[in-house]
Amino acid sequence: MEDAQFQTGSSWSEQRYRILLEITNAIVSNLDRDALFNAIAREIQKATTFDRTGITLYNPSSDRFQIYVLETTAPPVSLFQGSDIPREGSGMGWAFDQRRVLYRSELPDQKQYFEDEHFLAEGLRSVVYLPLMTGGKILGTFQVASKIPSRYSEDDIAFLSQVAKQLAIALDNARAYEELKALRDQLDKENVYLQEEIRSSYNFEEIIGESQLLKRVLGSVESVAATDSTVLVSGETGTGKELIARAIHHLSPRRARPLIKVNCAALPSGLVESELFGHEKGAFTGALHKKIGRFELAHGGTIFLDEVGDIPQETQVKLLRVLQEQEFERLGSTQTVKVDVRIIVATNRDLESAVAQQTFRADLFYRLNVFPIQVPPLRERTEDIPILTRHFVGKYMRKMNKRIEAISQATLERLTQYTWPGNIRELENVVERAMILSKHPVLDIGDELSTPTAAAGHPKRLMTLEEMERDYIVSTLKRTRWVIGGKGGAAEILSLHPNTLRSRLAKLGIKKPE
């Protein structure tokens, strides 16, 4: 449909009319922001020259503009794509507030508006600001600037006003498209995590036991679940820290939203920040697509950071900010992302010692240590061992379609006397192996626990946690003939990522015998 100005045949040229049609075609065929504006900038350049053109969008929560897209004939000196500009005291703000075109035919040497010193540093001498309005709402501004004073005529400004109308429509469409795409990506990502949650087949019955120590832990879980307080779950490997985190989430008001788990120890140090906070396309070599981080995925729900003590110090600063402000920037972006996330962390390390050794930030530790829960090791819950054993026997009877009618008394005594360096995870593995080997309806573990830590009676001295962990890992590696990865490998048995297990081997000085 032709514009009224063209019907009256005023000073508009046929060429500019064709350009407006091409801009309309670009709007129809491009929904991607960058591709759309690149196409429009090429068409504008055919009708009137510019050295810098861009769109700024208004953010009411910060009362600032952000440069949404930018095209320049030379690399910009400042005010890059993504930069913030205040509404108050800027030329963009004047055009936005007045909803009128502002044409500055010659920029003064003395600063009048916020952006003047930046524009003058690029050699720009004249600039047109045009409000972007559609459907009764104003979205931001469109600017065209030149290094030539008084570059733009009344005809140019009339033409650019028509372009601004088209841009406002395009921008509204592109923003709607981006919002729908972001929502679809979010739903896809959440679906993956929810499927993983379903596969983990979590239920509250898996927190099993009747010991007073466990009852105190569950009492703490019940107390803190209804709040949004940060929780620090501490305990040895295999004690069930993740089950405690899941219980807190599923008892909380956030239970309808996702629980996003991150195993910090399994992430390469260079990718931790990207995994947690996301990145923009091109933020670093190999960043071929925009990535939504785990904190954004957890918005409205809970994020569980397992092995938080392994987070690199450079990332600890950003995590501290999220804890304090609930905001961050993706890698490669200056745009602040605000989230509403409940944070639960777990560690098998002594974080206070790590603070003393300056490998963990003290201010971050105090922020995380709001509500500490210490999960006791299995050797301190010996009265729970028979109950857990029966639970695991029932679980593997169903999985293996085997019938076990009883557990021998000798087996229960041996299980109770063992020191369990691998805790509940090790107990489950022992029961599973015994079930596989069992040929009779009465379960007997035989010599399964004949390792140095299994000596009956009282040991001459209590072993350190590191010694017990070392013995358990070595015994597991011996059973797998030192195979770490793959099906049936030590990493799978220990429920660790293969790279995490390799790091532990290096830390504990464990080497395969020649």
Protein backbone atom coordinates (compact mmCIF):
# COMPACT_ATOMS: atom_id res chain seq x y z
CA MET A 1 0.00 0.00 0.00
CA GLU A 2 1.46 3.40 -0.99
CA ASP A 3 2.14 6.12 1.56
CA ALA A 4 0.09 9.32 1.19
CA GLN A 5 3.23 11.40 0.67
CA PHE A 6 4.05 9.41 -2.46
CA GLN A 7 0.51 9.70 -3.76
CA THR A 8 0.76 13.52 -3.67
CA GLY A 9 4.11 13.35 -5.45
CA SER A 10 6.06 15.68 -3.11
CA SER A 11 9.84 15.82 -3.13
CA TRP A 12 10.28 12.13 -2.41
CA SER A 13 12.22 10.45 -5.16
CA GLU A 14 11.18 7.25 -6.82
CA GLN A 15 14.47 5.75 -5.70
CA ARG A 16 13.69 6.38 -2.04
CA TYR A 17 10.23 4.94 -2.47
CA ARG A 18 11.80 1.76 -3.85
CA ILE A 19 14.19 1.71 -0.88
CA LEU A 20 11.28 1.85 1.55
CA LEU A 21 9.73 -1.09 -0.27
CA GLU A 22 13.02 -2.97 0.03
CA ILE A 23 13.07 -2.20 3.76
CA THR A 24 9.54 -3.61 4.02
CA ASN A 25 10.71 -6.75 2.20
CA ALA A 26 13.67 -7.02 4.59
CA ILE A 27 11.29 -6.82 7.56
CA VAL A 28 9.15 -9.61 6.14
CA SER A 29 12.08 -11.92 5.35
CA ASN A 30 14.34 -11.30 8.40
CA LEU A 31 13.38 -11.89 12.01
CA ASP A 32 16.92 -12.20 13.32
CA ARG A 33 17.96 -8.86 14.82
CA ASP A 34 21.45 -8.53 13.33
CA ALA A 35 20.51 -9.83 9.87
CA LEU A 36 17.50 -7.51 9.76
CA PHE A 37 19.39 -4.36 10.70
CA ASN A 38 22.29 -5.14 8.38
CA ALA A 39 19.81 -5.38 5.50
CA ILE A 40 18.10 -2.13 6.49
CA ALA A 41 21.41 -0.27 6.92
CA ARG A 42 22.45 -1.28 3.40
CA GLU A 43 19.21 0.16 2.01
CA ILE A 44 19.55 3.42 3.99
CA GLN A 45 23.08 3.86 2.67
CA LYS A 46 21.66 3.90 -0.87
CA ALA A 47 19.55 6.96 -0.09
CA THR A 48 21.67 8.96 2.34
CA THR A 49 25.18 8.44 3.64
CA PHE A 50 26.05 7.88 7.28
CA ASP A 51 29.13 7.07 9.36
CA ARG A 52 27.23 5.64 12.31
CA THR A 53 23.67 4.40 12.70
CA GLY A 54 22.03 2.39 15.43
CA ILE A 55 19.03 1.60 17.58
CA THR A 56 18.83 2.17 21.32
CA LEU A 57 16.13 0.42 23.35
CA TYR A 58 14.77 1.81 26.59
CA ASN A 59 14.91 -0.25 29.80
CA PRO A 60 12.39 1.19 32.31
CA SER A 61 13.84 -0.76 35.26
CA SER A 62 17.23 1.01 34.91
CA ASP A 63 15.94 4.19 33.21
CA ARG A 64 18.67 3.74 30.61
CA PHE A 65 19.00 2.92 26.94
CA GLN A 66 21.00 0.02 25.59
CA ILE A 67 22.53 0.00 22.10
CA TYR A 68 20.58 -2.83 20.51
CA VAL A 69 22.24 -2.86 17.10
CA LEU A 70 24.95 -0.72 15.55
CA GLU A 71 26.40 -0.16 12.07
CA THR A 72 29.48 2.01 11.48
CA THR A 73 31.77 2.70 8.54
CA ALA A 74 34.79 2.36 10.87
CA PRO A 75 35.21 0.48 14.19
CA PRO A 76 33.55 2.52 16.98
CA VAL A 77 35.82 4.17 19.54
CA SER A 78 33.23 3.81 22.32
CA LEU A 79 29.51 3.25 22.87
CA PHE A 80 29.63 -0.23 21.38
CA GLN A 81 26.72 -2.58 20.80
CA GLY A 82 25.41 -3.46 24.25
CA SER A 83 26.62 -0.21 25.89
CA ASP A 84 24.29 1.65 28.27
CA ILE A 85 23.28 5.31 27.85
CA PRO A 86 21.30 7.29 30.47
CA ARG A 87 17.91 8.65 29.45
CA GLU A 88 18.41 11.81 31.47
CA GLY A 89 20.87 14.15 29.76
CA SER A 90 21.17 12.32 26.44
CA GLY A 91 19.96 13.25 22.94
CA MET A 92 18.25 9.86 22.77
CA GLY A 93 16.42 10.74 25.98
CA TRP A 94 15.20 14.06 24.54
CA ALA A 95 13.77 12.42 21.39
CA PHE A 96 12.30 9.63 23.53
CA ASP A 97 10.63 11.96 26.07
CA GLN A 98 9.38 14.49 23.48
CA ARG A 99 8.44 11.80 20.94
CA ARG A 100 9.85 14.09 18.28
CA VAL A 101 12.79 14.12 15.89
CA LEU A 102 15.89 15.91 17.18
CA TYR A 103 18.29 17.10 14.46
CA ARG A 104 21.65 18.45 15.57
CA SER A 105 23.19 19.86 12.38
CA GLU A 106 26.53 20.63 14.01
CA LEU A 107 27.71 19.14 17.28
CA PRO A 108 29.22 21.78 19.59
CA ASP A 109 32.77 21.45 20.80
CA GLN A 110 31.45 21.78 24.33
CA LYS A 111 29.52 18.78 25.65
CA GLN A 112 25.74 19.31 25.62
CA TYR A 113 24.50 15.73 25.85
CA PHE A 114 25.95 12.58 27.41
CA GLU A 115 27.07 11.03 24.12
CA ASP A 116 28.72 14.18 22.65
CA GLU A 117 32.29 13.44 23.73
CA HIS A 118 32.00 9.89 22.34
CA PHE A 119 30.57 11.09 19.01
CA LEU A 120 33.16 13.87 18.69
CA ALA A 121 35.95 11.36 19.41
CA GLU A 122 34.78 9.46 16.32
CA GLY A 123 34.75 12.66 14.27
CA LEU A 124 30.95 12.82 14.00
CA ARG A 125 29.58 16.33 13.37
CA SER A 126 25.83 15.95 12.69
CA VAL A 127 23.26 13.53 14.07
CA VAL A 128 19.54 12.83 13.74
CA TYR A 129 17.62 11.17 16.62
CA LEU A 130 14.22 9.65 15.74
CA PRO A 131 11.75 8.09 18.20
CA LEU A 132 10.67 4.51 17.48
CA MET A 133 6.91 4.33 18.01
CA THR A 134 4.36 1.69 17.09
CA GLY A 135 0.87 0.91 18.32
CA GLY A 136 0.88 3.85 20.72
CA LYS A 137 4.03 2.72 22.53
CA ILE A 138 7.60 3.98 22.26
CA LEU A 139 10.40 1.44 22.20
CA GLY A 140 13.54 3.54 21.91
CA THR A 141 15.32 5.69 19.34
CA PHE A 142 16.96 5.41 15.92
CA GLN A 143 20.06 7.52 15.21
CA VAL A 144 21.90 8.39 12.02
CA ALA A 145 25.15 10.37 12.24
CA SER A 146 27.71 11.75 9.79
CA LYS A 147 31.20 13.23 9.95
CA ILE A 148 29.94 16.06 7.67
CA PRO A 149 28.32 19.09 9.38
CA SER A 150 24.72 19.85 8.31
CA ARG A 151 24.72 16.61 6.33
CA TYR A 152 20.96 15.95 6.45
CA SER A 153 18.30 17.94 4.63
CA GLU A 154 14.57 18.15 5.36
CA ASP A 155 14.00 15.51 2.69
CA ASP A 156 16.57 13.25 4.36
CA ILE A 157 14.89 13.65 7.73
CA ALA A 158 11.44 12.98 6.22
CA PHE A 159 12.83 9.84 4.61
CA LEU A 160 14.48 8.73 7.87
CA SER A 161 11.19 9.33 9.71
CA GLN A 162 9.52 6.87 7.35
CA VAL A 163 12.37 4.43 7.96
CA ALA A 164 11.89 4.86 11.73
CA LYS A 165 8.22 3.88 11.40
CA GLN A 166 9.20 0.75 9.53
CA LEU A 167 11.96 0.01 12.04
CA ALA A 168 9.56 0.29 14.97
CA ILE A 169 7.30 -2.33 13.40
CA ALA A 170 10.29 -4.54 12.57
CA LEU A 171 11.69 -4.13 16.06
CA ASP A 172 8.39 -5.07 17.66
CA ASN A 173 8.23 -8.19 15.49
CA ALA A 174 11.89 -9.09 16.10
CA ARG A 175 11.55 -8.67 19.87
CA ALA A 176 8.44 -10.85 19.89
CA TYR A 177 10.33 -13.45 17.84
CA GLU A 178 13.33 -13.33 20.20
CA GLU A 179 11.07 -13.66 23.25
CA LEU A 180 9.30 -16.67 21.72
CA LYS A 181 12.62 -18.23 20.71
CA ALA A 182 14.08 -17.63 24.18
CA LEU A 183 10.97 -19.14 25.76
CA ARG A 184 11.15 -22.16 23.44
CA ASP A 185 14.86 -22.62 24.19
CA GLN A 186 14.14 -22.28 27.91
CA LEU A 187 11.36 -24.87 27.73
CA ASP A 188 13.59 -27.22 25.72
CA LYS A 189 16.41 -26.87 28.23
CA GLU A 190 14.06 -27.30 31.19
CA ASN A 191 12.57 -30.38 29.54
CA VAL A 192 16.04 -31.94 29.31
CA TYR A 193 16.69 -31.28 32.98
CA LEU A 194 13.22 -32.46 34.02
CA GLN A 195 13.74 -35.68 32.06
CA GLU A 196 17.02 -36.13 33.93
CA GLU A 197 15.15 -35.51 37.19
CA ILE A 198 12.62 -38.18 36.24
CA ARG A 199 15.40 -40.62 35.32
CA SER A 200 17.02 -40.04 38.71
CA SER A 201 13.75 -41.47 40.16
CA TYR A 202 14.07 -39.42 43.30
CA ASN A 203 11.64 -40.07 46.11
CA PHE A 204 11.76 -39.18 49.78
CA GLU A 205 11.93 -42.84 50.79
CA GLU A 206 15.53 -42.88 49.55
CA ILE A 207 16.57 -40.87 52.61
CA ILE A 208 16.52 -43.96 54.76
CA GLY A 209 17.40 -44.48 58.41
CA GLU A 210 16.23 -44.19 61.97
CA SER A 211 19.38 -42.95 63.68
CA GLN A 212 19.22 -39.81 65.79
CA LEU A 213 21.94 -38.23 63.65
CA LEU A 214 19.84 -38.61 60.49
CA LYS A 215 16.68 -37.40 62.26
CA ARG A 216 18.50 -34.20 63.26
CA VAL A 217 19.55 -33.65 59.63
CA LEU A 218 15.97 -34.17 58.40
CA GLY A 219 14.72 -31.78 61.07
CA SER A 220 17.09 -29.14 59.69
CA VAL A 221 15.86 -29.88 56.15
CA GLU A 222 12.26 -29.34 57.21
CA SER A 223 13.11 -26.09 59.00
CA VAL A 224 15.02 -24.47 56.13
CA ALA A 225 12.95 -25.77 53.21
CA ALA A 226 10.18 -23.17 53.55
CA THR A 227 12.67 -20.30 53.36
CA ASP A 228 14.82 -18.94 50.52
CA SER A 229 17.99 -19.06 52.62
CA THR A 230 21.22 -20.37 51.12
CA VAL A 231 22.12 -23.83 52.41
CA LEU A 232 25.62 -25.35 52.68
CA VAL A 233 25.48 -29.17 52.80
CA SER A 234 28.77 -30.70 53.98
CA GLY A 235 29.81 -34.31 54.24
CA GLU A 236 32.07 -37.02 52.89
CA THR A 237 31.72 -38.46 49.41
CA GLY A 238 28.75 -40.82 49.13
CA THR A 239 26.84 -39.64 52.21
CA GLY A 240 23.79 -38.47 50.22
CA LYS A 241 24.33 -34.70 50.05
CA GLU A 242 22.43 -34.49 46.75
CA LEU A 243 19.43 -36.28 48.30
CA ILE A 244 19.39 -33.67 51.06
CA ALA A 245 19.47 -30.85 48.47
CA ARG A 246 16.60 -32.49 46.54
CA ALA A 247 14.57 -32.90 49.71
CA ILE A 248 14.99 -29.19 50.54
CA HIS A 249 13.83 -28.22 47.05
CA HIS A 250 10.86 -30.61 46.96
CA LEU A 251 9.64 -29.39 50.37
CA SER A 252 10.02 -25.72 49.36
CA PRO A 253 7.52 -23.32 47.72
CA ARG A 254 9.72 -23.58 44.59
CA ARG A 255 8.97 -27.30 44.09
CA ALA A 256 6.98 -26.62 40.89
CA ARG A 257 10.03 -25.03 39.25
CA PRO A 258 13.20 -26.91 38.22
CA LEU A 259 16.06 -27.99 40.43
CA ILE A 260 19.19 -27.50 38.33
CA LYS A 261 22.27 -29.47 39.41
CA VAL A 262 25.84 -28.48 38.53
CA ASN A 263 28.78 -30.73 39.40
CA CYS A 264 31.46 -28.05 39.69
CA ALA A 265 34.27 -30.61 40.01
CA ALA A 266 33.41 -32.17 36.64
CA LEU A 267 33.70 -28.89 34.71
CA PRO A 268 37.02 -27.81 33.16
CA SER A 269 38.15 -24.62 34.93
CA GLY A 270 37.94 -22.59 31.70
CA LEU A 271 34.29 -23.47 31.15
CA VAL A 272 32.86 -23.04 34.66
CA GLU A 273 31.81 -19.40 34.14
CA SER A 274 30.21 -20.14 30.77
CA GLU A 275 28.33 -23.12 32.20
CA LEU A 276 27.00 -21.18 35.19
CA PHE A 277 26.26 -17.83 33.59
CA GLY A 278 26.03 -18.54 29.85
CA HIS A 279 27.70 -16.75 26.95
CA GLU A 280 26.91 -14.77 23.84
CA LYS A 281 27.69 -15.95 20.34
CA GLY A 282 31.35 -15.13 19.59
CA ALA A 283 32.23 -14.51 23.26
CA PHE A 284 35.28 -16.77 22.86
CA THR A 285 36.77 -19.20 20.36
CA GLY A 286 34.26 -21.98 19.80
CA ALA A 287 31.24 -19.99 21.05
CA LEU A 288 29.25 -20.56 17.87
CA HIS A 289 25.86 -20.01 19.49
CA LYS A 290 24.35 -18.12 22.39
CA LYS A 291 24.18 -20.33 25.50
CA ILE A 292 21.80 -20.00 28.43
CA GLY A 293 23.63 -20.63 31.71
CA ARG A 294 22.48 -22.82 34.57
CA PHE A 295 21.47 -19.82 36.72
CA GLU A 296 19.04 -18.64 34.03
CA LEU A 297 17.65 -22.16 33.70
CA ALA A 298 17.05 -22.23 37.44
CA HIS A 299 15.09 -18.93 37.42
CA GLY A 300 12.16 -19.27 39.81
CA GLY A 301 13.55 -22.56 41.14
CA THR A 302 16.67 -23.85 42.85
CA ILE A 303 20.25 -24.34 41.71
CA PHE A 304 22.35 -27.01 43.41
CA LEU A 305 26.12 -26.47 43.13
CA ASP A 306 27.79 -29.76 44.03
CA GLU A 307 31.48 -29.65 45.00
CA VAL A 308 31.35 -25.85 45.26
CA GLY A 309 34.84 -25.87 46.75
CA ASP A 310 36.24 -26.68 43.29
CA ILE A 311 34.99 -23.45 41.67
CA PRO A 312 37.97 -21.38 40.38
CA GLN A 313 38.70 -18.20 42.31
CA GLU A 314 38.03 -15.97 39.28
CA THR A 315 34.49 -17.39 39.10
CA GLN A 316 33.97 -17.12 42.86
CA VAL A 317 33.74 -13.32 42.49
CA LYS A 318 30.84 -13.61 40.05
CA LEU A 319 29.10 -16.21 42.22
CA LEU A 320 29.37 -13.85 45.18
CA ARG A 321 27.61 -11.14 43.17
CA VAL A 322 24.77 -13.52 42.28
CA LEU A 323 24.36 -14.36 45.96
CA GLN A 324 24.29 -10.68 46.89
CA GLU A 325 22.40 -9.10 43.99
CA GLN A 326 20.78 -12.03 42.10
CA GLU A 327 22.21 -10.65 38.86
CA PHE A 328 25.10 -11.27 36.44
CA GLU A 329 26.20 -10.79 32.83
CA ARG A 330 26.70 -13.54 30.32
CA LEU A 331 30.23 -13.88 28.93
CA GLY A 332 30.61 -11.46 26.04
CA SER A 333 27.65 -9.27 27.08
CA THR A 334 27.24 -6.06 29.06
CA GLN A 335 23.52 -6.64 29.58
CA THR A 336 22.62 -7.53 33.16
CA VAL A 337 20.50 -10.63 33.67
CA LYS A 338 18.37 -10.70 36.83
CA VAL A 339 17.30 -14.01 38.30
CA ASP A 340 15.23 -15.29 41.21
CA VAL A 341 17.09 -18.40 42.37
CA ARG A 342 17.43 -20.30 45.62
CA ILE A 343 21.01 -21.57 46.05
CA ILE A 344 22.02 -24.84 47.71
CA VAL A 345 25.68 -25.88 47.66
CA ALA A 346 27.47 -29.02 48.75
CA THR A 347 31.08 -29.89 49.43
CA ASN A 348 33.21 -32.70 50.84
CA ARG A 349 36.03 -30.23 51.49
CA ASP A 350 36.76 -28.24 54.64
CA LEU A 351 35.94 -24.76 53.29
CA GLU A 352 37.17 -23.03 56.44
CA SER A 353 40.61 -24.55 55.85
CA ALA A 354 40.39 -23.53 52.20
CA VAL A 355 39.67 -19.95 53.34
CA ALA A 356 42.70 -20.07 55.65
CA GLN A 357 44.83 -21.33 52.74
CA GLN A 358 43.38 -18.54 50.53
CA THR A 359 42.06 -20.98 47.93
CA PHE A 360 38.45 -20.03 48.70
CA ARG A 361 37.16 -16.50 49.23
CA ALA A 362 36.23 -15.72 52.83
CA ASP A 363 33.35 -13.40 51.85
CA LEU A 364 31.88 -16.10 49.59
CA PHE A 365 32.17 -18.71 52.36
CA TYR A 366 30.27 -16.50 54.81
CA ARG A 367 27.54 -15.91 52.18
CA LEU A 368 27.21 -19.66 51.56
CA ASN A 369 27.36 -20.66 55.21
CA VAL A 370 23.99 -19.11 56.12
CA PHE A 371 22.43 -22.46 57.08
CA PRO A 372 24.98 -25.30 57.29
CA ILE A 373 23.85 -28.94 57.32
CA GLN A 374 26.44 -31.60 58.14
CA VAL A 375 25.55 -35.03 56.73
CA PRO A 376 27.08 -37.72 58.97
CA PRO A 377 29.22 -40.51 57.47
CA LEU A 378 27.79 -44.02 57.45
CA ARG A 379 30.28 -45.28 60.06
CA GLU A 380 28.58 -42.91 62.56
CA ARG A 381 25.13 -44.28 61.62
CA THR A 382 25.77 -47.99 62.15
CA GLU A 383 22.17 -48.56 63.30
CA ASP A 384 21.02 -47.49 59.81
CA ILE A 385 23.20 -50.04 57.96
CA PRO A 386 20.76 -53.01 58.23
CA ILE A 387 17.84 -50.79 57.11
CA LEU A 388 19.80 -49.44 54.14
CA THR A 389 21.00 -52.94 53.22
CA ARG A 390 17.44 -54.26 53.11
CA HIS A 391 16.39 -51.28 51.01
CA PHE A 392 19.12 -51.92 48.44
CA VAL A 393 18.37 -55.64 48.37
CA GLY A 394 14.72 -54.83 47.58
CA LYS A 395 15.77 -52.35 44.89
CA TYR A 396 18.02 -54.85 43.07
CA MET A 397 15.59 -57.71 43.50
CA ARG A 398 13.19 -55.71 41.34
CA LYS A 399 15.87 -54.65 38.84
CA MET A 400 17.43 -58.12 38.51
CA ASN A 401 14.24 -60.12 38.96
CA LYS A 402 15.93 -62.13 41.70
CA ARG A 403 14.42 -63.54 44.88
CA ILE A 404 16.31 -62.96 48.15
CA GLU A 405 14.44 -64.18 51.22
CA ALA A 406 16.91 -63.20 53.91
CA ILE A 407 20.30 -61.66 54.68
CA SER A 408 22.65 -63.79 56.72
CA GLN A 409 23.44 -62.57 60.23
CA ALA A 410 27.15 -62.85 59.49
CA THR A 411 26.70 -60.51 56.53
CA LEU A 412 24.88 -57.91 58.65
CA GLU A 413 27.60 -58.08 61.32
CA ARG A 414 30.34 -57.69 58.70
CA LEU A 415 28.54 -54.74 57.12
CA THR A 416 28.08 -53.07 60.50
CA GLN A 417 31.74 -53.48 61.48
CA TYR A 418 33.11 -52.11 58.19
CA THR A 419 34.22 -48.46 58.25
CA TRP A 420 32.66 -47.49 54.87
CA PRO A 421 35.07 -44.91 53.42
CA GLY A 422 32.72 -44.64 50.41
CA ASN A 423 29.66 -44.35 52.67
CA ILE A 424 26.15 -45.17 51.36
CA ARG A 425 27.32 -45.23 47.74
CA GLU A 426 29.85 -47.93 48.59
CA LEU A 427 27.24 -49.92 50.55
CA GLU A 428 24.91 -49.89 47.55
CA ASN A 429 27.73 -51.05 45.26
CA VAL A 430 28.62 -53.89 47.63
CA VAL A 431 24.97 -55.02 47.80
CA GLU A 432 24.60 -54.84 44.01
CA ARG A 433 27.72 -56.97 43.45
CA ALA A 434 26.57 -59.49 46.07
CA MET A 435 23.18 -59.71 44.37
CA ILE A 436 24.81 -60.36 40.99
CA LEU A 437 26.94 -63.18 42.45
CA SER A 438 24.22 -64.64 44.68
CA LYS A 439 22.97 -68.14 43.74
CA HIS A 440 20.89 -68.70 46.89
CA PRO A 441 17.84 -67.08 48.54
CA VAL A 442 19.99 -66.02 51.54
CA LEU A 443 22.34 -63.16 50.72
CA ASP A 444 25.95 -63.55 51.84
CA ILE A 445 28.68 -61.10 50.90
CA GLY A 446 31.48 -63.55 51.60
CA ASP A 447 34.88 -61.84 51.45
CA GLU A 448 33.62 -58.72 49.61
CA LEU A 449 34.86 -56.45 52.41
CA SER A 450 38.27 -58.01 52.99
CA THR A 451 40.16 -54.74 52.50
CA PRO A 452 42.57 -53.06 54.95
CA THR A 453 39.76 -50.89 56.37
CA ALA A 454 37.53 -53.87 57.11
CA ALA A 455 39.45 -55.36 60.00
CA ALA A 456 37.09 -56.56 62.72
CA GLY A 457 37.26 -55.05 66.16
CA HIS A 458 38.84 -51.70 66.92
CA PRO A 459 41.65 -50.45 64.70
CA LYS A 460 44.88 -49.35 66.27
CA ARG A 461 44.19 -45.78 65.16
CA LEU A 462 41.38 -43.99 63.38
CA MET A 463 42.15 -43.46 59.70
CA THR A 464 41.96 -40.00 58.18
CA LEU A 465 39.27 -39.24 55.62
CA GLU A 466 41.94 -38.97 52.93
CA GLU A 467 43.33 -42.41 53.84
CA MET A 468 39.87 -43.98 53.73
CA GLU A 469 39.07 -42.30 50.43
CA ARG A 470 42.38 -43.48 48.99
CA ASP A 471 41.79 -47.08 50.10
CA TYR A 472 38.27 -47.12 48.70
CA ILE A 473 39.34 -45.71 45.32
CA VAL A 474 42.27 -48.15 45.08
CA SER A 475 40.04 -51.13 45.96
CA THR A 476 37.51 -50.03 43.31
CA LEU A 477 40.26 -49.66 40.69
CA LYS A 478 41.54 -53.12 41.51
CA ARG A 479 38.05 -54.56 40.98
CA THR A 480 37.82 -52.86 37.56
CA ARG A 481 41.43 -53.77 36.71
CA TRP A 482 42.25 -50.04 36.67
CA VAL A 483 39.65 -49.20 34.03
CA ILE A 484 38.41 -45.68 34.80
CA GLY A 485 35.83 -44.75 32.13
CA GLY A 486 33.10 -46.58 30.28
CA LYS A 487 30.48 -49.08 31.36
CA GLY A 488 31.49 -50.82 34.58
CA GLY A 489 34.54 -48.58 35.00
CA ALA A 490 35.67 -47.17 38.34
CA ALA A 491 34.15 -43.75 37.60
CA GLU A 492 30.71 -45.29 37.05
CA ILE A 493 30.94 -47.39 40.23
CA LEU A 494 32.02 -44.33 42.24
CA SER A 495 29.37 -42.13 40.54
CA LEU A 496 32.04 -39.66 39.49
CA HIS A 497 32.85 -38.03 36.18
CA PRO A 498 35.98 -39.74 34.76
CA ASN A 499 37.86 -36.40 34.75
CA THR A 500 36.90 -35.84 38.40
CA LEU A 501 38.22 -39.28 39.32
CA ARG A 502 41.48 -38.62 37.44
CA SER A 503 41.89 -35.36 39.41
CA ARG A 504 41.34 -37.25 42.65
CA LEU A 505 43.94 -39.86 41.64
CA ALA A 506 46.49 -37.11 41.01
CA LYS A 507 45.61 -35.36 44.27
CA LEU A 508 45.90 -38.58 46.31
CA GLY A 509 49.04 -39.73 44.47
CA ILE A 510 47.41 -42.92 43.20
CA LYS A 511 49.17 -44.49 40.22
CA LYS A 512 48.52 -47.70 38.32
CA PRO A 513 51.10 -50.35 39.27
CA GLU A 514 53.63 -51.18 36.55
